[in-house]
Amino acid sequence: MKQLIVPKFATEAEEADWWDQHIYIVGENLIEAIENGTAHRGGPAALLRETRVVQVRLPNNDLDRIERLAEAKGISNQACIGMLLRKALDREEADQRKSA
């Protein structure tokens, strides 16, 4: 298995380009991991993260904003919603710690 050293990226576009340039190595590593029985969906971080499915009704204009933001970032709507929610939760918890 070839070890990839992933650099820090200035932009998401730069990161996407880097991954595109290294897609064959990633593919070879994935095939090898599958053959060895060491492949896991989402990698080790995904194994540590438990998830549940929830339904949330959103106003159309908020969903439109999410779709535009997700498209600009090159991620799915669900990933974008999760990212925004985590950022909001982090902010709320930080505000609570300041208030305490």
PDB file of N, CA and C in Angstrom:
ATOM      1  N   MET A   1       0.844  -1.174   0.000  1.00  0.00           N
ATOM      2  CA  MET A   1       0.000   0.000   0.000  1.00  0.00           C
ATOM      3  C   MET A   1       0.892   1.241   0.000  1.00  0.00           C
ATOM      4  N   LYS A   2       0.591   2.153  -0.910  1.00  0.00           N
ATOM      5  CA  LYS A   2       1.362   3.390  -1.001  1.00  0.00           C
ATOM      6  C   LYS A   2       0.838   4.391   0.020  1.00  0.00           C
ATOM      7  N   GLN A   3       1.737   4.964   0.800  1.00  0.00           N
ATOM      8  CA  GLN A   3       1.363   5.940   1.818  1.00  0.00           C
ATOM      9  C   GLN A   3       1.259   7.321   1.175  1.00  0.00           C
ATOM     10  N   LEU A   4       0.098   7.938   1.291  1.00  0.00           N
ATOM     11  CA  LEU A   4      -0.095   9.296   0.779  1.00  0.00           C
ATOM     12  C   LEU A   4       0.053  10.284   1.920  1.00  0.00           C
ATOM     13  N   ILE A   5       0.813  11.319   1.692  1.00  0.00           N
ATOM     14  CA  ILE A   5       0.918  12.414   2.658  1.00  0.00           C
ATOM     15  C   ILE A   5       0.078  13.551   2.107  1.00  0.00           C
ATOM     16  N   VAL A   6      -1.043  13.808   2.772  1.00  0.00           N
ATOM     17  CA  VAL A   6      -1.980  14.822   2.300  1.00  0.00           C
ATOM     18  C   VAL A   6      -1.531  16.179   2.845  1.00  0.00           C
ATOM     19  N   PRO A   7      -1.239  17.111   1.945  1.00  0.00           N
ATOM     20  CA  PRO A   7      -0.792  18.432   2.400  1.00  0.00           C
ATOM     21  C   PRO A   7      -1.957  19.282   2.899  1.00  0.00           C
ATOM     22  N   LYS A   8      -1.640  20.423   3.481  1.00  0.00           N
ATOM     23  CA  LYS A   8      -2.662  21.416   3.848  1.00  0.00           C
ATOM     24  C   LYS A   8      -3.026  22.166   2.580  1.00  0.00           C
ATOM     25  N   PHE A   9      -4.305  22.515   2.456  1.00  0.00           N
ATOM     26  CA  PHE A   9      -4.774  23.188   1.261  1.00  0.00           C
ATOM     27  C   PHE A   9      -5.309  24.572   1.598  1.00  0.00           C
ATOM     28  N   ALA A  10      -5.089  25.514   0.698  1.00  0.00           N
ATOM     29  CA  ALA A  10      -5.585  26.879   0.890  1.00  0.00           C
ATOM     30  C   ALA A  10      -7.066  26.974   0.561  1.00  0.00           C
ATOM     31  N   THR A  11      -7.518  26.157  -0.391  1.00  0.00           N
ATOM     32  CA  THR A  11      -8.913  26.213  -0.812  1.00  0.00           C
ATOM     33  C   THR A  11      -9.445  24.799  -1.028  1.00  0.00           C
ATOM     34  N   GLU A  12     -10.769  24.688  -1.049  1.00  0.00           N
ATOM     35  CA  GLU A  12     -11.372  23.392  -1.331  1.00  0.00           C
ATOM     36  C   GLU A  12     -11.106  22.973  -2.770  1.00  0.00           C
ATOM     37  N   ALA A  13     -11.043  23.940  -3.673  1.00  0.00           N
ATOM     38  CA  ALA A  13     -10.752  23.628  -5.075  1.00  0.00           C
ATOM     39  C   ALA A  13      -9.352  23.035  -5.206  1.00  0.00           C
ATOM     40  N   GLU A  14      -8.401  23.594  -4.475  1.00  0.00           N
ATOM     41  CA  GLU A  14      -7.030  23.080  -4.491  1.00  0.00           C
ATOM     42  C   GLU A  14      -7.000  21.645  -3.956  1.00  0.00           C
ATOM     43  N   GLU A  15      -7.764  21.397  -2.900  1.00  0.00           N
ATOM     44  CA  GLU A  15      -7.825  20.042  -2.344  1.00  0.00           C
ATOM     45  C   GLU A  15      -8.452  19.076  -3.345  1.00  0.00           C
ATOM     46  N   ALA A  16      -9.535  19.496  -3.987  1.00  0.00           N
ATOM     47  CA  ALA A  16     -10.196  18.638  -4.975  1.00  0.00           C
ATOM     48  C   ALA A  16      -9.237  18.293  -6.115  1.00  0.00           C
ATOM     49  N   ASP A  17      -8.483  19.282  -6.576  1.00  0.00           N
ATOM     50  CA  ASP A  17      -7.503  19.034  -7.639  1.00  0.00           C
ATOM     51  C   ASP A  17      -6.458  18.022  -7.195  1.00  0.00           C
ATOM     52  N   TRP A  18      -5.973  18.152  -5.965  1.00  0.00           N
ATOM     53  CA  TRP A  18      -4.958  17.232  -5.450  1.00  0.00           C
ATOM     54  C   TRP A  18      -5.489  15.800  -5.428  1.00  0.00           C
ATOM     55  N   TRP A  19      -6.722  15.626  -4.921  1.00  0.00           N
ATOM     56  CA  TRP A  19      -7.302  14.293  -4.865  1.00  0.00           C
ATOM     57  C   TRP A  19      -7.516  13.737  -6.269  1.00  0.00           C
ATOM     58  N   ASP A  20      -7.937  14.588  -7.203  1.00  0.00           N
ATOM     59  CA  ASP A  20      -8.098  14.142  -8.593  1.00  0.00           C
ATOM     60  C   ASP A  20      -6.774  13.654  -9.166  1.00  0.00           C
ATOM     61  N   GLN A  21      -5.687  14.319  -8.835  1.00  0.00           N
ATOM     62  CA  GLN A  21      -4.368  13.935  -9.340  1.00  0.00           C
ATOM     63  C   GLN A  21      -3.865  12.635  -8.716  1.00  0.00           C
ATOM     64  N   HIS A  22      -4.397  12.272  -7.552  1.00  0.00           N
ATOM     65  CA  HIS A  22      -3.939  11.081  -6.843  1.00  0.00           C
ATOM     66  C   HIS A  22      -4.995   9.974  -6.813  1.00  0.00           C
ATOM     67  N   ILE A  23      -6.007  10.072  -7.672  1.00  0.00           N
ATOM     68  CA  ILE A  23      -7.121   9.130  -7.651  1.00  0.00           C
ATOM     69  C   ILE A  23      -6.673   7.694  -7.892  1.00  0.00           C
ATOM     70  N   TYR A  24      -5.670   7.479  -8.730  1.00  0.00           N
ATOM     71  CA  TYR A  24      -5.233   6.115  -9.028  1.00  0.00           C
ATOM     72  C   TYR A  24      -4.567   5.461  -7.820  1.00  0.00           C
ATOM     73  N   ILE A  25      -3.779   6.227  -7.081  1.00  0.00           N
ATOM     74  CA  ILE A  25      -3.142   5.687  -5.876  1.00  0.00           C
ATOM     75  C   ILE A  25      -4.209   5.360  -4.837  1.00  0.00           C
ATOM     76  N   VAL A  26      -5.177   6.256  -4.683  1.00  0.00           N
ATOM     77  CA  VAL A  26      -6.261   6.019  -3.731  1.00  0.00           C
ATOM     78  C   VAL A  26      -7.025   4.758  -4.130  1.00  0.00           C
ATOM     79  N   GLY A  27      -7.312   4.624  -5.418  1.00  0.00           N
ATOM     80  CA  GLY A  27      -8.016   3.439  -5.903  1.00  0.00           C
ATOM     81  C   GLY A  27      -7.241   2.159  -5.657  1.00  0.00           C
ATOM     82  N   GLU A  28      -5.951   2.175  -5.949  1.00  0.00           N
ATOM     83  CA  GLU A  28      -5.108   1.000  -5.715  1.00  0.00           C
ATOM     84  C   GLU A  28      -5.092   0.638  -4.229  1.00  0.00           C
ATOM     85  N   ASN A  29      -4.973   1.659  -3.382  1.00  0.00           N
ATOM     86  CA  ASN A  29      -4.967   1.412  -1.934  1.00  0.00           C
ATOM     87  C   ASN A  29      -6.297   0.822  -1.474  1.00  0.00           C
ATOM     88  N   LEU A  30      -7.401   1.313  -2.038  1.00  0.00           N
ATOM     89  CA  LEU A  30      -8.712   0.801  -1.668  1.00  0.00           C
ATOM     90  C   LEU A  30      -8.860  -0.661  -2.080  1.00  0.00           C
ATOM     91  N   ILE A  31      -8.461  -0.983  -3.291  1.00  0.00           N
ATOM     92  CA  ILE A  31      -8.545  -2.370  -3.759  1.00  0.00           C
ATOM     93  C   ILE A  31      -7.714  -3.283  -2.859  1.00  0.00           C
ATOM     94  N   GLU A  32      -6.510  -2.844  -2.523  1.00  0.00           N
ATOM     95  CA  GLU A  32      -5.653  -3.641  -1.644  1.00  0.00           C
ATOM     96  C   GLU A  32      -6.298  -3.825  -0.270  1.00  0.00           C
ATOM     97  N   ALA A  33      -6.896  -2.759   0.271  1.00  0.00           N
ATOM     98  CA  ALA A  33      -7.536  -2.848   1.583  1.00  0.00           C
ATOM     99  C   ALA A  33      -8.738  -3.789   1.544  1.00  0.00           C
ATOM    100  N   ILE A  34      -9.494  -3.755   0.455  1.00  0.00           N
ATOM    101  CA  ILE A  34     -10.634  -4.665   0.316  1.00  0.00           C
ATOM    102  C   ILE A  34     -10.144  -6.111   0.272  1.00  0.00           C
ATOM    103  N   GLU A  35      -9.103  -6.341  -0.513  1.00  0.00           N
ATOM    104  CA  GLU A  35      -8.553  -7.697  -0.625  1.00  0.00           C
ATOM    105  C   GLU A  35      -7.996  -8.192   0.705  1.00  0.00           C
ATOM    106  N   ASN A  36      -7.414  -7.283   1.495  1.00  0.00           N
ATOM    107  CA  ASN A  36      -6.848  -7.652   2.799  1.00  0.00           C
ATOM    108  C   ASN A  36      -7.888  -7.701   3.904  1.00  0.00           C
ATOM    109  N   GLY A  37      -9.087  -7.211   3.614  1.00  0.00           N
ATOM    110  CA  GLY A  37     -10.131  -7.160   4.634  1.00  0.00           C
ATOM    111  C   GLY A  37      -9.960  -6.030   5.618  1.00  0.00           C
ATOM    112  N   THR A  38      -9.184  -5.008   5.246  1.00  0.00           N
ATOM    113  CA  THR A  38      -8.946  -3.884   6.157  1.00  0.00           C
ATOM    114  C   THR A  38      -9.697  -2.619   5.751  1.00  0.00           C
ATOM    115  N   ALA A  39     -10.529  -2.697   4.711  1.00  0.00           N
ATOM    116  CA  ALA A  39     -11.274  -1.521   4.254  1.00  0.00           C
ATOM    117  C   ALA A  39     -12.510  -1.337   5.120  1.00  0.00           C
ATOM    118  N   HIS A  40     -12.778  -0.109   5.479  1.00  0.00           N
ATOM    119  CA  HIS A  40     -13.968   0.243   6.248  1.00  0.00           C
ATOM    120  C   HIS A  40     -14.631   1.426   5.580  1.00  0.00           C
ATOM    121  N   ARG A  41     -15.949   1.431   5.552  1.00  0.00           N
ATOM    122  CA  ARG A  41     -16.671   2.531   4.929  1.00  0.00           C
ATOM    123  C   ARG A  41     -16.382   3.820   5.691  1.00  0.00           C
ATOM    124  N   GLY A  42     -15.843   4.809   5.000  1.00  0.00           N
ATOM    125  CA  GLY A  42     -15.568   6.097   5.620  1.00  0.00           C
ATOM    126  C   GLY A  42     -14.282   6.136   6.412  1.00  0.00           C
ATOM    127  N   GLY A  43     -13.583   5.043   6.520  1.00  0.00           N
ATOM    128  CA  GLY A  43     -12.322   5.024   7.246  1.00  0.00           C
ATOM    129  C   GLY A  43     -12.528   4.978   8.749  1.00  0.00           C
ATOM    130  N   PRO A  44     -11.459   5.028   9.513  1.00  0.00           N
ATOM    131  CA  PRO A  44     -11.525   4.896  10.969  1.00  0.00           C
ATOM    132  C   PRO A  44     -12.392   5.959  11.642  1.00  0.00           C
ATOM    133  N   ALA A  45     -12.368   7.183  11.133  1.00  0.00           N
ATOM    134  CA  ALA A  45     -13.168   8.240  11.774  1.00  0.00           C
ATOM    135  C   ALA A  45     -14.649   7.913  11.708  1.00  0.00           C
ATOM    136  N   ALA A  46     -15.089   7.338  10.595  1.00  0.00           N
ATOM    137  CA  ALA A  46     -16.502   6.996  10.449  1.00  0.00           C
ATOM    138  C   ALA A  46     -16.896   5.890  11.429  1.00  0.00           C
ATOM    139  N   LEU A  47     -15.957   5.019  11.761  1.00  0.00           N
ATOM    140  CA  LEU A  47     -16.258   3.953  12.705  1.00  0.00           C
ATOM    141  C   LEU A  47     -16.508   4.499  14.106  1.00  0.00           C
ATOM    142  N   LEU A  48     -15.895   5.613  14.424  1.00  0.00           N
ATOM    143  CA  LEU A  48     -16.052   6.210  15.744  1.00  0.00           C
ATOM    144  C   LEU A  48     -17.311   7.071  15.848  1.00  0.00           C
ATOM    145  N   ARG A  49     -17.869   7.433  14.725  1.00  0.00           N
ATOM    146  CA  ARG A  49     -18.983   8.378  14.689  1.00  0.00           C
ATOM    147  C   ARG A  49     -20.289   7.611  14.504  1.00  0.00           C
ATOM    148  N   GLU A  50     -21.153   7.648  15.512  1.00  0.00           N
ATOM    149  CA  GLU A  50     -22.460   7.026  15.389  1.00  0.00           C
ATOM    150  C   GLU A  50     -23.428   8.074  14.861  1.00  0.00           C
ATOM    151  N   THR A  51     -24.342   7.657  14.022  1.00  0.00           N
ATOM    152  CA  THR A  51     -25.296   8.599  13.451  1.00  0.00           C
ATOM    153  C   THR A  51     -26.713   8.055  13.568  1.00  0.00           C
ATOM    154  N   ARG A  52     -27.669   8.970  13.505  1.00  0.00           N
ATOM    155  CA  ARG A  52     -29.084   8.636  13.434  1.00  0.00           C
ATOM    156  C   ARG A  52     -29.706   9.482  12.343  1.00  0.00           C
ATOM    157  N   VAL A  53     -30.724   8.960  11.733  1.00  0.00           N
ATOM    158  CA  VAL A  53     -31.441   9.692  10.697  1.00  0.00           C
ATOM    159  C   VAL A  53     -32.512  10.544  11.374  1.00  0.00           C
ATOM    160  N   VAL A  54     -32.587  11.812  10.979  1.00  0.00           N
ATOM    161  CA  VAL A  54     -33.623  12.710  11.480  1.00  0.00           C
ATOM    162  C   VAL A  54     -34.286  13.411  10.295  1.00  0.00           C
ATOM    163  N   GLN A  55     -35.516  13.812  10.502  1.00  0.00           N
ATOM    164  CA  GLN A  55     -36.212  14.600   9.491  1.00  0.00           C
ATOM    165  C   GLN A  55     -36.440  15.979  10.060  1.00  0.00           C
ATOM    166  N   VAL A  56     -36.153  16.987   9.261  1.00  0.00           N
ATOM    167  CA  VAL A  56     -36.344  18.376   9.679  1.00  0.00           C
ATOM    168  C   VAL A  56     -37.030  19.109   8.542  1.00  0.00           C
ATOM    169  N   ARG A  57     -38.080  19.804   8.865  1.00  0.00           N
ATOM    170  CA  ARG A  57     -38.734  20.636   7.852  1.00  0.00           C
ATOM    171  C   ARG A  57     -38.015  21.972   7.811  1.00  0.00           C
ATOM    172  N   LEU A  58     -37.638  22.381   6.611  1.00  0.00           N
ATOM    173  CA  LEU A  58     -36.934  23.645   6.420  1.00  0.00           C
ATOM    174  C   LEU A  58     -37.729  24.520   5.461  1.00  0.00           C
ATOM    175  N   PRO A  59     -37.741  25.822   5.717  1.00  0.00           N
ATOM    176  CA  PRO A  59     -38.366  26.719   4.746  1.00  0.00           C
ATOM    177  C   PRO A  59     -37.638  26.619   3.403  1.00  0.00           C
ATOM    178  N   ASN A  60     -38.381  26.751   2.327  1.00  0.00           N
ATOM    179  CA  ASN A  60     -37.798  26.628   0.991  1.00  0.00           C
ATOM    180  C   ASN A  60     -36.613  27.556   0.776  1.00  0.00           C
ATOM    181  N   ASN A  61     -36.724  28.803   1.267  1.00  0.00           N
ATOM    182  CA  ASN A  61     -35.613  29.736   1.036  1.00  0.00           C
ATOM    183  C   ASN A  61     -34.349  29.301   1.784  1.00  0.00           C
ATOM    184  N   ASP A  62     -34.497  28.689   2.975  1.00  0.00           N
ATOM    185  CA  ASP A  62     -33.314  28.180   3.690  1.00  0.00           C
ATOM    186  C   ASP A  62     -32.704  26.999   2.938  1.00  0.00           C
ATOM    187  N   LEU A  63     -33.545  26.122   2.420  1.00  0.00           N
ATOM    188  CA  LEU A  63     -33.043  24.978   1.666  1.00  0.00           C
ATOM    189  C   LEU A  63     -32.356  25.433   0.384  1.00  0.00           C
ATOM    190  N   ASP A  64     -32.903  26.460  -0.262  1.00  0.00           N
ATOM    191  CA  ASP A  64     -32.249  27.016  -1.451  1.00  0.00           C
ATOM    192  C   ASP A  64     -30.862  27.555  -1.106  1.00  0.00           C
ATOM    193  N   ARG A  65     -30.766  28.227   0.032  1.00  0.00           N
ATOM    194  CA  ARG A  65     -29.461  28.756   0.465  1.00  0.00           C
ATOM    195  C   ARG A  65     -28.477  27.624   0.733  1.00  0.00           C
ATOM    196  N   ILE A  66     -28.952  26.558   1.378  1.00  0.00           N
ATOM    197  CA  ILE A  66     -28.099  25.401   1.663  1.00  0.00           C
ATOM    198  C   ILE A  66     -27.622  24.764   0.361  1.00  0.00           C
ATOM    199  N   GLU A  67     -28.526  24.621  -0.591  1.00  0.00           N
ATOM    200  CA  GLU A  67     -28.155  24.016  -1.876  1.00  0.00           C
ATOM    201  C   GLU A  67     -27.084  24.838  -2.592  1.00  0.00           C
ATOM    202  N   ARG A  68     -27.232  26.166  -2.560  1.00  0.00           N
ATOM    203  CA  ARG A  68     -26.220  27.021  -3.200  1.00  0.00           C
ATOM    204  C   ARG A  68     -24.875  26.908  -2.487  1.00  0.00           C
ATOM    205  N   LEU A  69     -24.902  26.913  -1.170  1.00  0.00           N
ATOM    206  CA  LEU A  69     -23.664  26.809  -0.395  1.00  0.00           C
ATOM    207  C   LEU A  69     -22.997  25.451  -0.627  1.00  0.00           C
ATOM    208  N   ALA A  70     -23.792  24.392  -0.607  1.00  0.00           N
ATOM    209  CA  ALA A  70     -23.247  23.047  -0.824  1.00  0.00           C
ATOM    210  C   ALA A  70     -22.622  22.938  -2.206  1.00  0.00           C
ATOM    211  N   GLU A  71     -23.292  23.483  -3.195  1.00  0.00           N
ATOM    212  CA  GLU A  71     -22.753  23.437  -4.554  1.00  0.00           C
ATOM    213  C   GLU A  71     -21.434  24.205  -4.644  1.00  0.00           C
ATOM    214  N   ALA A  72     -21.387  25.373  -4.003  1.00  0.00           N
ATOM    215  CA  ALA A  72     -20.161  26.176  -4.027  1.00  0.00           C
ATOM    216  C   ALA A  72     -19.006  25.442  -3.350  1.00  0.00           C
ATOM    217  N   LYS A  73     -19.311  24.657  -2.307  1.00  0.00           N
ATOM    218  CA  LYS A  73     -18.277  23.920  -1.582  1.00  0.00           C
ATOM    219  C   LYS A  73     -17.991  22.555  -2.210  1.00  0.00           C
ATOM    220  N   GLY A  74     -18.849  22.131  -3.143  1.00  0.00           N
ATOM    221  CA  GLY A  74     -18.652  20.839  -3.774  1.00  0.00           C
ATOM    222  C   GLY A  74     -18.990  19.678  -2.871  1.00  0.00           C
ATOM    223  N   ILE A  75     -19.977  19.865  -1.985  1.00  0.00           N
ATOM    224  CA  ILE A  75     -20.387  18.809  -1.062  1.00  0.00           C
ATOM    225  C   ILE A  75     -21.883  18.578  -1.201  1.00  0.00           C
ATOM    226  N   SER A  76     -22.372  17.518  -0.608  1.00  0.00           N
ATOM    227  CA  SER A  76     -23.802  17.218  -0.662  1.00  0.00           C
ATOM    228  C   SER A  76     -24.574  18.152   0.262  1.00  0.00           C
ATOM    229  N   ASN A  77     -25.876  18.254   0.019  1.00  0.00           N
ATOM    230  CA  ASN A  77     -26.725  19.069   0.894  1.00  0.00           C
ATOM    231  C   ASN A  77     -26.672  18.553   2.326  1.00  0.00           C
ATOM    232  N   GLN A  78     -26.712  17.228   2.505  1.00  0.00           N
ATOM    233  CA  GLN A  78     -26.668  16.652   3.845  1.00  0.00           C
ATOM    234  C   GLN A  78     -25.357  16.977   4.548  1.00  0.00           C
ATOM    235  N   ALA A  79     -24.251  16.870   3.833  1.00  0.00           N
ATOM    236  CA  ALA A  79     -22.954  17.196   4.428  1.00  0.00           C
ATOM    237  C   ALA A  79     -22.912  18.665   4.822  1.00  0.00           C
ATOM    238  N   CYS A  80     -23.483  19.509   3.990  1.00  0.00           N
ATOM    239  CA  CYS A  80     -23.503  20.946   4.264  1.00  0.00           C
ATOM    240  C   CYS A  80     -24.330  21.240   5.510  1.00  0.00           C
ATOM    241  N   ILE A  81     -25.506  20.619   5.611  1.00  0.00           N
ATOM    242  CA  ILE A  81     -26.359  20.819   6.783  1.00  0.00           C
ATOM    243  C   ILE A  81     -25.635  20.353   8.035  1.00  0.00           C
ATOM    244  N   GLY A  82     -24.987  19.196   7.977  1.00  0.00           N
ATOM    245  CA  GLY A  82     -24.241  18.694   9.133  1.00  0.00           C
ATOM    246  C   GLY A  82     -23.121  19.634   9.537  1.00  0.00           C
ATOM    247  N   MET A  83     -22.398  20.159   8.539  1.00  0.00           N
ATOM    248  CA  MET A  83     -21.303  21.090   8.807  1.00  0.00           C
ATOM    249  C   MET A  83     -21.835  22.354   9.490  1.00  0.00           C
ATOM    250  N   LEU A  84     -22.918  22.905   8.942  1.00  0.00           N
ATOM    251  CA  LEU A  84     -23.500  24.122   9.508  1.00  0.00           C
ATOM    252  C   LEU A  84     -24.014  23.882  10.918  1.00  0.00           C
ATOM    253  N   LEU A  85     -24.630  22.742  11.143  1.00  0.00           N
ATOM    254  CA  LEU A  85     -25.149  22.423  12.466  1.00  0.00           C
ATOM    255  C   LEU A  85     -24.023  22.282  13.483  1.00  0.00           C
ATOM    256  N   ARG A  86     -22.937  21.591  13.100  1.00  0.00           N
ATOM    257  CA  ARG A  86     -21.800  21.451  14.020  1.00  0.00           C
ATOM    258  C   ARG A  86     -21.201  22.803  14.373  1.00  0.00           C
ATOM    259  N   LYS A  87     -21.056  23.683  13.365  1.00  0.00           N
ATOM    260  CA  LYS A  87     -20.519  25.017  13.630  1.00  0.00           C
ATOM    261  C   LYS A  87     -21.419  25.799  14.576  1.00  0.00           C
ATOM    262  N   ALA A  88     -22.739  25.711  14.357  1.00  0.00           N
ATOM    263  CA  ALA A  88     -23.686  26.414  15.226  1.00  0.00           C
ATOM    264  C   ALA A  88     -23.639  25.851  16.641  1.00  0.00           C
ATOM    265  N   LEU A  89     -23.559  24.530  16.780  1.00  0.00           N
ATOM    266  CA  LEU A  89     -23.475  23.919  18.104  1.00  0.00           C
ATOM    267  C   LEU A  89     -22.189  24.329  18.825  1.00  0.00           C
ATOM    268  N   ASP A  90     -21.084  24.343  18.100  1.00  0.00           N
ATOM    269  CA  ASP A  90     -19.807  24.774  18.691  1.00  0.00           C
ATOM    270  C   ASP A  90     -19.907  26.207  19.192  1.00  0.00           C
ATOM    271  N   ARG A  91     -20.529  27.079  18.392  1.00  0.00           N
ATOM    272  CA  ARG A  91     -20.703  28.476  18.788  1.00  0.00           C
ATOM    273  C   ARG A  91     -21.579  28.593  20.030  1.00  0.00           C
ATOM    274  N   GLU A  92     -22.681  27.872  20.057  1.00  0.00           N
ATOM    275  CA  GLU A  92     -23.597  27.915  21.199  1.00  0.00           C
ATOM    276  C   GLU A  92     -22.906  27.428  22.470  1.00  0.00           C
ATOM    277  N   GLU A  93     -22.166  26.319  22.356  1.00  0.00           N
ATOM    278  CA  GLU A  93     -21.466  25.803  23.529  1.00  0.00           C
ATOM    279  C   GLU A  93     -20.394  26.777  24.011  1.00  0.00           C
ATOM    280  N   ALA A  94     -19.700  27.419  23.088  1.00  0.00           N
ATOM    281  CA  ALA A  94     -18.685  28.414  23.455  1.00  0.00           C
ATOM    282  C   ALA A  94     -19.355  29.593  24.162  1.00  0.00           C
ATOM    283  N   ASP A  95     -20.492  30.035  23.666  1.00  0.00           N
ATOM    284  CA  ASP A  95     -21.228  31.132  24.304  1.00  0.00           C
ATOM    285  C   ASP A  95     -21.676  30.746  25.716  1.00  0.00           C
ATOM    286  N   GLN A  96     -22.125  29.510  25.889  1.00  0.00           N
ATOM    287  CA  GLN A  96     -22.545  29.044  27.206  1.00  0.00           C
ATOM    288  C   GLN A  96     -21.370  29.025  28.173  1.00  0.00           C
ATOM    289  N   ARG A  97     -20.209  28.587  27.693  1.00  0.00           N
ATOM    290  CA  ARG A  97     -19.023  28.553  28.574  1.00  0.00           C
ATOM    291  C   ARG A  97     -18.628  29.974  28.983  1.00  0.00           C
ATOM    292  N   LYS A  98     -18.749  30.925  28.067  1.00  0.00           N
ATOM    293  CA  LYS A  98     -18.426  32.313  28.387  1.00  0.00           C
ATOM    294  C   LYS A  98     -19.391  32.881  29.424  1.00  0.00           C
ATOM    295  N   SER A  99     -20.671  32.480  29.331  1.00  0.00           N
ATOM    296  CA  SER A  99     -21.688  32.988  30.218  1.00  0.00           C
ATOM    297  C   SER A  99     -21.600  32.384  31.627  1.00  0.00           C
ATOM    298  N   ALA A 100     -21.028  31.192  31.706  1.00  0.00           N
ATOM    299  CA  ALA A 100     -20.981  30.479  33.004  1.00  0.00           C
ATOM    300  C   ALA A 100     -19.914  31.026  33.913  1.00  0.00           C
TER     301      ALA A 100
END
